[in-house]
Amino acid sequence: MPIQSITQSFAVSEQISPAELQAIAAQGFKSVICNRPDAEGPGQPSFEEIAAAAAQAGLQARHLPVVPGQITEAQVSAMAQLLRELPGPVLAYCRSGARSSNLWQLAQGR
């Protein structure tokens, strides 16, 4: 699970597994945001599974699913709100990290 730091308080990664949440917490993250719709790809853990493992690791978890190439204004506003409310640093993930990076970029200044 390669993590790409965007700022000191925000990073992105490809799909994570429930088993990786303890290590994510150990790296200092306080929150995770899932930007993938459930069942987007084969073998993808559900957000419910991620949220349960995140809670066990002491992390906040939120689901803001975005279809690739179809980011809406409402999703950008929701991402900006999550970034204001969640304790950081925050790790956002999707299939490759690109959607999460794009959402973060679009949410800046909101």
N, C-alpha and C. Protein backbone atom coordinates (compact mmCIF):
# COMPACT_ATOMS: atom_id res chain seq x y z
N MET A 1 0.83 -1.17 0.00
CA MET A 1 0.00 0.00 0.00
C MET A 1 0.89 1.25 0.00
N PRO A 2 1.29 1.70 -1.17
CA PRO A 2 2.09 2.93 -1.23
C PRO A 2 1.24 4.16 -0.90
N ILE A 3 1.75 4.99 0.01
CA ILE A 3 1.06 6.20 0.41
C ILE A 3 1.81 7.39 -0.17
N GLN A 4 1.07 8.29 -0.82
CA GLN A 4 1.65 9.49 -1.41
C GLN A 4 1.22 10.69 -0.58
N SER A 5 2.16 11.35 0.08
CA SER A 5 1.85 12.55 0.85
C SER A 5 1.60 13.71 -0.10
N ILE A 6 0.48 14.40 0.11
CA ILE A 6 0.16 15.59 -0.67
C ILE A 6 0.55 16.82 0.15
N THR A 7 0.19 16.81 1.44
CA THR A 7 0.60 17.85 2.39
C THR A 7 0.94 17.12 3.69
N GLN A 8 1.32 17.87 4.72
CA GLN A 8 1.59 17.24 6.01
C GLN A 8 0.35 16.63 6.62
N SER A 9 -0.82 17.13 6.22
CA SER A 9 -2.05 16.66 6.85
C SER A 9 -2.95 15.85 5.91
N PHE A 10 -2.47 15.57 4.69
CA PHE A 10 -3.30 14.82 3.73
C PHE A 10 -2.42 13.97 2.83
N ALA A 11 -2.87 12.71 2.65
CA ALA A 11 -2.16 11.77 1.77
C ALA A 11 -3.20 10.91 1.06
N VAL A 12 -2.77 10.26 -0.01
CA VAL A 12 -3.65 9.38 -0.78
C VAL A 12 -2.97 8.03 -0.98
N SER A 13 -3.79 7.03 -1.27
CA SER A 13 -3.26 5.71 -1.59
C SER A 13 -4.25 4.97 -2.47
N GLU A 14 -3.77 3.86 -2.98
CA GLU A 14 -4.64 2.93 -3.70
C GLU A 14 -5.49 2.22 -2.66
N GLN A 15 -6.34 1.32 -3.12
CA GLN A 15 -7.23 0.55 -2.23
C GLN A 15 -6.47 -0.01 -1.04
N ILE A 16 -7.02 0.16 0.15
CA ILE A 16 -6.45 -0.43 1.35
C ILE A 16 -7.30 -1.62 1.78
N SER A 17 -6.74 -2.44 2.64
CA SER A 17 -7.48 -3.59 3.16
C SER A 17 -7.74 -3.36 4.65
N PRO A 18 -8.74 -4.04 5.20
CA PRO A 18 -9.00 -3.90 6.63
C PRO A 18 -7.76 -4.23 7.48
N ALA A 19 -6.96 -5.20 7.04
CA ALA A 19 -5.77 -5.60 7.79
C ALA A 19 -4.71 -4.51 7.85
N GLU A 20 -4.78 -3.52 6.95
CA GLU A 20 -3.77 -2.46 6.92
C GLU A 20 -4.10 -1.27 7.81
N LEU A 21 -5.29 -1.24 8.40
CA LEU A 21 -5.70 -0.06 9.17
C LEU A 21 -4.85 0.15 10.42
N GLN A 22 -4.42 -0.91 11.08
CA GLN A 22 -3.55 -0.75 12.26
C GLN A 22 -2.24 -0.09 11.86
N ALA A 23 -1.65 -0.51 10.74
CA ALA A 23 -0.39 0.07 10.27
C ALA A 23 -0.59 1.52 9.85
N ILE A 24 -1.75 1.82 9.26
CA ILE A 24 -2.07 3.20 8.87
C ILE A 24 -2.14 4.08 10.12
N ALA A 25 -2.79 3.59 11.16
CA ALA A 25 -2.85 4.33 12.42
C ALA A 25 -1.45 4.49 13.02
N ALA A 26 -0.64 3.45 12.94
CA ALA A 26 0.72 3.51 13.49
C ALA A 26 1.58 4.54 12.76
N GLN A 27 1.23 4.85 11.51
CA GLN A 27 1.96 5.87 10.75
C GLN A 27 1.50 7.28 11.12
N GLY A 28 0.53 7.39 12.03
CA GLY A 28 0.11 8.69 12.53
C GLY A 28 -1.19 9.22 11.94
N PHE A 29 -1.79 8.49 11.01
CA PHE A 29 -3.06 8.96 10.46
C PHE A 29 -4.15 8.88 11.52
N LYS A 30 -5.08 9.82 11.46
CA LYS A 30 -6.20 9.86 12.41
C LYS A 30 -7.53 9.54 11.74
N SER A 31 -7.58 9.70 10.39
CA SER A 31 -8.83 9.51 9.65
C SER A 31 -8.55 8.92 8.28
N VAL A 32 -9.55 8.20 7.74
CA VAL A 32 -9.48 7.70 6.37
C VAL A 32 -10.78 8.06 5.66
N ILE A 33 -10.64 8.38 4.37
CA ILE A 33 -11.79 8.67 3.52
C ILE A 33 -11.73 7.71 2.34
N CYS A 34 -12.81 6.96 2.15
CA CYS A 34 -12.92 6.05 1.01
C CYS A 34 -13.65 6.77 -0.12
N ASN A 35 -13.00 6.88 -1.28
CA ASN A 35 -13.62 7.53 -2.43
C ASN A 35 -14.08 6.54 -3.49
N ARG A 36 -14.16 5.26 -3.14
CA ARG A 36 -14.63 4.23 -4.07
C ARG A 36 -16.06 3.81 -3.75
N PRO A 37 -16.90 3.68 -4.76
CA PRO A 37 -18.20 3.05 -4.52
C PRO A 37 -17.98 1.59 -4.12
N ASP A 38 -18.81 1.07 -3.24
CA ASP A 38 -18.73 -0.36 -2.91
C ASP A 38 -18.93 -1.19 -4.17
N ALA A 39 -18.26 -2.33 -4.25
CA ALA A 39 -18.38 -3.29 -5.35
C ALA A 39 -17.92 -2.72 -6.70
N GLU A 40 -17.04 -1.73 -6.64
CA GLU A 40 -16.51 -1.17 -7.89
C GLU A 40 -15.60 -2.18 -8.60
N GLY A 41 -14.87 -2.95 -7.83
CA GLY A 41 -13.96 -3.92 -8.42
C GLY A 41 -14.01 -5.25 -7.69
N PRO A 42 -13.61 -6.33 -8.35
CA PRO A 42 -13.62 -7.64 -7.71
C PRO A 42 -12.65 -7.70 -6.53
N GLY A 43 -13.09 -8.31 -5.46
CA GLY A 43 -12.24 -8.48 -4.29
C GLY A 43 -12.08 -7.24 -3.43
N GLN A 44 -12.75 -6.18 -3.79
CA GLN A 44 -12.65 -4.93 -3.03
C GLN A 44 -13.40 -5.08 -1.71
N PRO A 45 -12.75 -4.74 -0.57
CA PRO A 45 -13.48 -4.79 0.70
C PRO A 45 -14.57 -3.72 0.72
N SER A 46 -15.68 -4.01 1.37
CA SER A 46 -16.75 -3.02 1.48
C SER A 46 -16.33 -1.91 2.43
N PHE A 47 -16.99 -0.77 2.31
CA PHE A 47 -16.68 0.31 3.24
C PHE A 47 -17.03 -0.11 4.66
N GLU A 48 -18.07 -0.89 4.82
CA GLU A 48 -18.45 -1.38 6.16
C GLU A 48 -17.28 -2.14 6.81
N GLU A 49 -16.60 -2.98 6.03
CA GLU A 49 -15.44 -3.72 6.55
C GLU A 49 -14.30 -2.76 6.92
N ILE A 50 -14.06 -1.79 6.04
CA ILE A 50 -13.01 -0.80 6.31
C ILE A 50 -13.33 0.01 7.56
N ALA A 51 -14.58 0.46 7.67
CA ALA A 51 -14.99 1.28 8.82
C ALA A 51 -14.85 0.51 10.13
N ALA A 52 -15.20 -0.77 10.13
CA ALA A 52 -15.09 -1.57 11.35
C ALA A 52 -13.62 -1.72 11.75
N ALA A 53 -12.75 -1.99 10.79
CA ALA A 53 -11.32 -2.12 11.10
C ALA A 53 -10.72 -0.77 11.49
N ALA A 54 -11.19 0.30 10.89
CA ALA A 54 -10.71 1.64 11.24
C ALA A 54 -11.08 1.96 12.70
N ALA A 55 -12.30 1.66 13.07
CA ALA A 55 -12.74 1.91 14.45
C ALA A 55 -11.88 1.14 15.44
N GLN A 56 -11.57 -0.11 15.11
CA GLN A 56 -10.71 -0.92 15.99
C GLN A 56 -9.31 -0.33 16.09
N ALA A 57 -8.87 0.36 15.05
CA ALA A 57 -7.53 0.97 15.04
C ALA A 57 -7.55 2.39 15.62
N GLY A 58 -8.74 2.86 16.03
CA GLY A 58 -8.85 4.19 16.59
C GLY A 58 -8.92 5.31 15.56
N LEU A 59 -9.31 4.95 14.33
CA LEU A 59 -9.39 5.92 13.24
C LEU A 59 -10.83 6.30 12.94
N GLN A 60 -11.03 7.54 12.53
CA GLN A 60 -12.32 7.96 11.97
C GLN A 60 -12.36 7.46 10.53
N ALA A 61 -13.53 7.10 10.03
CA ALA A 61 -13.66 6.65 8.63
C ALA A 61 -14.93 7.24 8.04
N ARG A 62 -14.81 7.72 6.80
CA ARG A 62 -15.96 8.27 6.09
C ARG A 62 -15.96 7.74 4.67
N HIS A 63 -17.16 7.63 4.12
CA HIS A 63 -17.34 7.11 2.75
C HIS A 63 -17.89 8.23 1.88
N LEU A 64 -17.10 8.63 0.89
CA LEU A 64 -17.52 9.63 -0.09
C LEU A 64 -17.24 9.02 -1.47
N PRO A 65 -18.15 8.12 -1.91
CA PRO A 65 -17.90 7.41 -3.17
C PRO A 65 -18.04 8.32 -4.39
N VAL A 66 -17.10 8.17 -5.31
CA VAL A 66 -17.05 8.96 -6.54
C VAL A 66 -16.80 8.01 -7.70
N VAL A 67 -17.59 8.15 -8.76
CA VAL A 67 -17.38 7.36 -9.97
C VAL A 67 -16.25 8.03 -10.75
N PRO A 68 -15.27 7.25 -11.23
CA PRO A 68 -14.14 7.87 -11.95
C PRO A 68 -14.62 8.76 -13.10
N GLY A 69 -14.03 9.95 -13.16
CA GLY A 69 -14.36 10.87 -14.24
C GLY A 69 -15.69 11.58 -14.10
N GLN A 70 -16.37 11.38 -12.95
CA GLN A 70 -17.70 11.97 -12.77
C GLN A 70 -17.82 12.70 -11.43
N ILE A 71 -16.79 13.43 -11.05
CA ILE A 71 -16.81 14.17 -9.80
C ILE A 71 -17.83 15.31 -9.92
N THR A 72 -18.73 15.41 -8.95
CA THR A 72 -19.75 16.45 -8.96
C THR A 72 -19.38 17.58 -8.01
N GLU A 73 -20.05 18.71 -8.19
CA GLU A 73 -19.85 19.86 -7.30
C GLU A 73 -20.22 19.48 -5.86
N ALA A 74 -21.28 18.71 -5.70
CA ALA A 74 -21.70 18.28 -4.36
C ALA A 74 -20.62 17.42 -3.70
N GLN A 75 -19.96 16.56 -4.47
CA GLN A 75 -18.90 15.72 -3.91
C GLN A 75 -17.68 16.55 -3.52
N VAL A 76 -17.37 17.57 -4.32
CA VAL A 76 -16.26 18.47 -3.99
C VAL A 76 -16.57 19.19 -2.68
N SER A 77 -17.78 19.69 -2.54
CA SER A 77 -18.18 20.38 -1.30
C SER A 77 -18.14 19.44 -0.11
N ALA A 78 -18.59 18.20 -0.32
CA ALA A 78 -18.57 17.20 0.77
C ALA A 78 -17.14 16.88 1.18
N MET A 79 -16.23 16.79 0.21
CA MET A 79 -14.83 16.51 0.52
C MET A 79 -14.24 17.67 1.33
N ALA A 80 -14.52 18.90 0.91
CA ALA A 80 -14.03 20.07 1.64
C ALA A 80 -14.54 20.05 3.09
N GLN A 81 -15.80 19.70 3.27
CA GLN A 81 -16.39 19.61 4.61
C GLN A 81 -15.70 18.54 5.44
N LEU A 82 -15.48 17.36 4.86
CA LEU A 82 -14.79 16.28 5.58
C LEU A 82 -13.39 16.72 6.00
N LEU A 83 -12.68 17.38 5.10
CA LEU A 83 -11.32 17.82 5.41
C LEU A 83 -11.30 18.85 6.53
N ARG A 84 -12.35 19.63 6.66
CA ARG A 84 -12.45 20.59 7.77
C ARG A 84 -12.78 19.89 9.08
N GLU A 85 -13.61 18.86 9.02
CA GLU A 85 -14.15 18.24 10.24
C GLU A 85 -13.30 17.10 10.80
N LEU A 86 -12.69 16.30 9.94
CA LEU A 86 -11.99 15.11 10.42
C LEU A 86 -10.64 15.47 11.04
N PRO A 87 -10.27 14.73 12.09
CA PRO A 87 -8.92 14.95 12.64
C PRO A 87 -7.87 14.48 11.63
N GLY A 88 -6.80 15.23 11.54
CA GLY A 88 -5.72 14.88 10.62
C GLY A 88 -4.52 14.35 11.36
N PRO A 89 -3.63 13.77 10.60
CA PRO A 89 -3.64 13.68 9.15
C PRO A 89 -4.68 12.69 8.63
N VAL A 90 -5.11 12.96 7.39
CA VAL A 90 -6.15 12.18 6.73
C VAL A 90 -5.53 11.40 5.57
N LEU A 91 -5.92 10.13 5.44
CA LEU A 91 -5.55 9.32 4.28
C LEU A 91 -6.82 9.06 3.48
N ALA A 92 -6.84 9.50 2.23
CA ALA A 92 -7.97 9.21 1.34
C ALA A 92 -7.51 8.16 0.34
N TYR A 93 -8.42 7.26 -0.03
CA TYR A 93 -8.03 6.22 -0.98
C TYR A 93 -9.13 5.94 -1.98
N CYS A 94 -8.71 5.38 -3.10
CA CYS A 94 -9.61 4.93 -4.16
C CYS A 94 -8.90 3.76 -4.85
N ARG A 95 -9.20 3.49 -6.10
CA ARG A 95 -8.53 2.37 -6.76
C ARG A 95 -7.04 2.63 -6.93
N SER A 96 -6.69 3.83 -7.39
CA SER A 96 -5.28 4.14 -7.65
C SER A 96 -4.74 5.31 -6.84
N GLY A 97 -5.62 6.11 -6.23
CA GLY A 97 -5.24 7.33 -5.54
C GLY A 97 -5.55 8.58 -6.35
N ALA A 98 -5.80 8.44 -7.65
CA ALA A 98 -6.02 9.60 -8.52
C ALA A 98 -7.31 10.35 -8.18
N ARG A 99 -8.41 9.63 -7.99
CA ARG A 99 -9.68 10.28 -7.64
C ARG A 99 -9.56 11.07 -6.35
N SER A 100 -8.91 10.46 -5.37
CA SER A 100 -8.74 11.13 -4.07
C SER A 100 -7.89 12.38 -4.23
N SER A 101 -6.82 12.31 -5.02
CA SER A 101 -5.98 13.49 -5.28
C SER A 101 -6.78 14.57 -5.97
N ASN A 102 -7.56 14.20 -6.98
CA ASN A 102 -8.37 15.17 -7.71
C ASN A 102 -9.40 15.83 -6.81
N LEU A 103 -10.07 15.03 -5.98
CA LEU A 103 -11.05 15.59 -5.05
C LEU A 103 -10.40 16.58 -4.09
N TRP A 104 -9.25 16.21 -3.55
CA TRP A 104 -8.55 17.10 -2.64
C TRP A 104 -8.23 18.42 -3.33
N GLN A 105 -7.68 18.32 -4.54
CA GLN A 105 -7.29 19.53 -5.28
C GLN A 105 -8.50 20.43 -5.53
N LEU A 106 -9.62 19.83 -5.97
CA LEU A 106 -10.81 20.60 -6.24
C LEU A 106 -11.41 21.23 -4.98
N ALA A 107 -11.18 20.58 -3.83
CA ALA A 107 -11.76 21.06 -2.57
C ALA A 107 -10.96 22.21 -1.94
N GLN A 108 -9.78 22.48 -2.44
CA GLN A 108 -8.96 23.55 -1.87
C GLN A 108 -9.64 24.90 -2.05
N GLY A 109 -9.60 25.70 -0.99
CA GLY A 109 -10.19 27.04 -1.04
C GLY A 109 -11.69 27.08 -0.85
N ARG A 110 -12.29 25.97 -0.48
CA ARG A 110 -13.75 25.93 -0.27
C ARG A 110 -14.07 26.00 1.20
